[in-house]
Protein backbone atom coordinates (compact mmCIF):
# COMPACT_ATOMS: atom_id res chain seq x y z
CA MET A 1 106.34 -129.37 121.72
CA SER A 2 105.72 -130.91 125.11
CA SER A 3 102.85 -129.45 127.12
CA THR A 4 100.55 -130.28 129.95
CA SER A 5 96.80 -129.95 129.73
CA ASP A 6 96.46 -128.29 133.12
CA CYS A 7 99.07 -125.57 132.47
CA LEU A 8 97.51 -122.16 131.69
CA PHE A 9 100.47 -121.10 129.46
CA CYS A 10 100.53 -124.36 127.56
CA ARG A 11 96.86 -123.84 126.80
CA ILE A 12 97.44 -120.26 125.63
CA ILE A 13 100.34 -121.45 123.41
CA ALA A 14 98.15 -124.21 121.96
CA GLY A 15 95.36 -121.68 121.25
CA THR A 16 92.72 -123.31 123.49
CA ILE A 17 92.65 -120.20 125.74
CA ASP A 18 92.34 -116.69 124.24
CA ALA A 19 95.16 -114.26 124.80
CA ARG A 20 96.43 -111.10 123.15
CA ILE A 21 99.38 -112.72 121.34
CA VAL A 22 102.03 -110.26 120.13
CA HIS A 23 104.52 -112.84 118.90
CA GLN A 24 104.59 -116.56 118.17
CA ASP A 25 107.19 -118.71 116.43
CA ASP A 26 108.33 -122.34 116.54
CA ARG A 27 110.07 -121.78 119.94
CA VAL A 28 108.29 -119.08 121.95
CA ALA A 29 105.05 -117.19 122.37
CA ALA A 30 104.59 -113.72 123.77
CA PHE A 31 101.29 -112.25 124.97
CA HIS A 32 99.98 -109.43 127.10
CA ASP A 33 99.80 -110.00 130.87
CA ILE A 34 96.24 -109.94 132.12
CA ASN A 35 97.38 -108.10 135.29
CA PRO A 36 99.91 -105.61 133.91
CA GLN A 37 102.44 -104.04 136.22
CA ALA A 38 103.58 -101.40 133.70
CA PRO A 39 101.98 -99.57 130.76
CA ARG A 40 103.46 -102.33 128.57
CA HIS A 41 103.72 -105.79 130.13
CA VAL A 42 104.23 -108.85 127.95
CA LEU A 43 104.93 -112.41 128.94
CA ILE A 44 107.37 -114.46 126.86
CA CYS A 45 107.21 -118.24 127.25
CA PRO A 46 108.96 -121.18 125.63
CA ASN A 47 106.54 -123.37 123.66
CA VAL A 48 107.86 -126.36 125.48
CA HIS A 49 106.63 -126.88 129.07
CA LEU A 50 109.32 -126.27 131.67
CA ALA A 51 107.95 -125.60 135.14
CA THR A 52 110.76 -123.48 136.53
CA LEU A 53 114.19 -122.08 135.63
CA ASN A 54 115.53 -124.96 137.74
CA ASP A 55 114.38 -127.38 135.06
CA LEU A 56 116.62 -125.91 132.43
CA THR A 57 119.44 -128.06 131.08
CA PRO A 58 122.33 -127.30 128.67
CA GLU A 59 120.07 -128.29 125.82
CA HIS A 60 117.91 -125.22 126.55
CA GLU A 61 120.70 -122.63 126.17
CA ALA A 62 119.72 -121.69 122.58
CA LEU A 63 116.08 -121.47 123.60
CA MET A 64 116.88 -119.04 126.46
CA GLY A 65 119.03 -116.95 124.05
CA HIS A 66 116.08 -116.90 121.66
CA ILE A 67 113.77 -115.64 124.45
CA VAL A 68 116.16 -112.78 125.32
CA ARG A 69 116.53 -111.78 121.67
CA THR A 70 112.77 -111.94 121.21
CA ALA A 71 112.38 -109.69 124.23
CA ALA A 72 114.77 -107.13 122.82
CA ALA A 73 112.97 -107.15 119.47
CA LEU A 74 109.55 -106.77 121.18
CA ALA A 75 110.93 -103.93 123.31
CA LYS A 76 112.04 -102.08 120.14
CA THR A 77 108.60 -102.72 118.55
CA MET A 78 106.86 -101.45 121.66
CA GLY A 79 109.02 -98.29 121.71
CA ASP A 80 110.99 -99.08 124.81
CA ALA A 81 114.39 -100.05 123.49
CA GLU A 82 115.87 -96.55 123.76
CA SER A 83 114.27 -95.38 127.01
CA GLY A 84 114.59 -98.69 128.81
CA TYR A 85 112.74 -101.84 129.75
CA ARG A 86 112.97 -104.62 132.31
CA LEU A 87 113.11 -108.33 131.65
CA VAL A 88 112.24 -110.46 134.75
CA ALA A 89 111.95 -114.11 135.49
CA ASN A 90 110.64 -115.43 138.82
CA CYS A 91 111.59 -118.86 140.06
CA GLN A 92 109.44 -120.59 142.68
CA ARG A 93 106.62 -119.28 144.87
CA ASP A 94 108.82 -117.18 147.20
CA ALA A 95 110.15 -115.23 144.26
CA GLY A 96 106.62 -114.54 142.93
CA GLN A 97 106.18 -117.31 140.38
CA SER A 98 102.45 -118.11 140.15
CA VAL A 99 102.24 -119.98 136.91
CA PHE A 100 104.68 -122.92 136.76
CA HIS A 101 105.68 -122.59 133.17
CA VAL A 102 108.97 -120.73 132.58
CA HIS A 103 108.17 -117.23 131.47
CA PHE A 104 109.82 -113.84 131.32
CA HIS A 105 108.00 -110.52 132.00
CA LEU A 106 108.95 -107.77 129.60
CA LEU A 107 107.95 -104.44 131.18
CA GLY A 108 108.15 -100.94 129.70
CA GLY A 109 106.57 -97.58 129.54
CA ARG A 110 107.55 -96.22 132.93
CA THR A 111 110.63 -95.68 135.19
CA PHE A 112 111.51 -98.65 137.39
CA ALA A 113 112.98 -98.49 140.87
CA TRP A 114 115.87 -100.56 142.21
CA PRO A 115 115.81 -102.84 144.11
CA PRO A 116 112.58 -104.11 142.62
CA GLY A 117 111.08 -105.37 145.79
């Protein structure tokens, strides 16, 4: 696993910062967002440090598939698979990315509008 010592999410994944972890395996970690935008708001991050979606290469395809499958499994566990959930990834500051470690927001527990904003 590659990480950077100044990355908040790398530190959470490494266990040096406390977080409410809901899932962790050899490829990803998922934990509750500290500023939830829905009744259920979990972040899903690859264990390897990638700053933005622009840094993905073909070698990351299986990892991205694993993230989506993990999100679907967590949505089912959280009780949102049938009613609906949203999976969001922001890329770069103008899109709302504030932590530069690839992550997906899994949101559930309420009705979502479209377009999102």
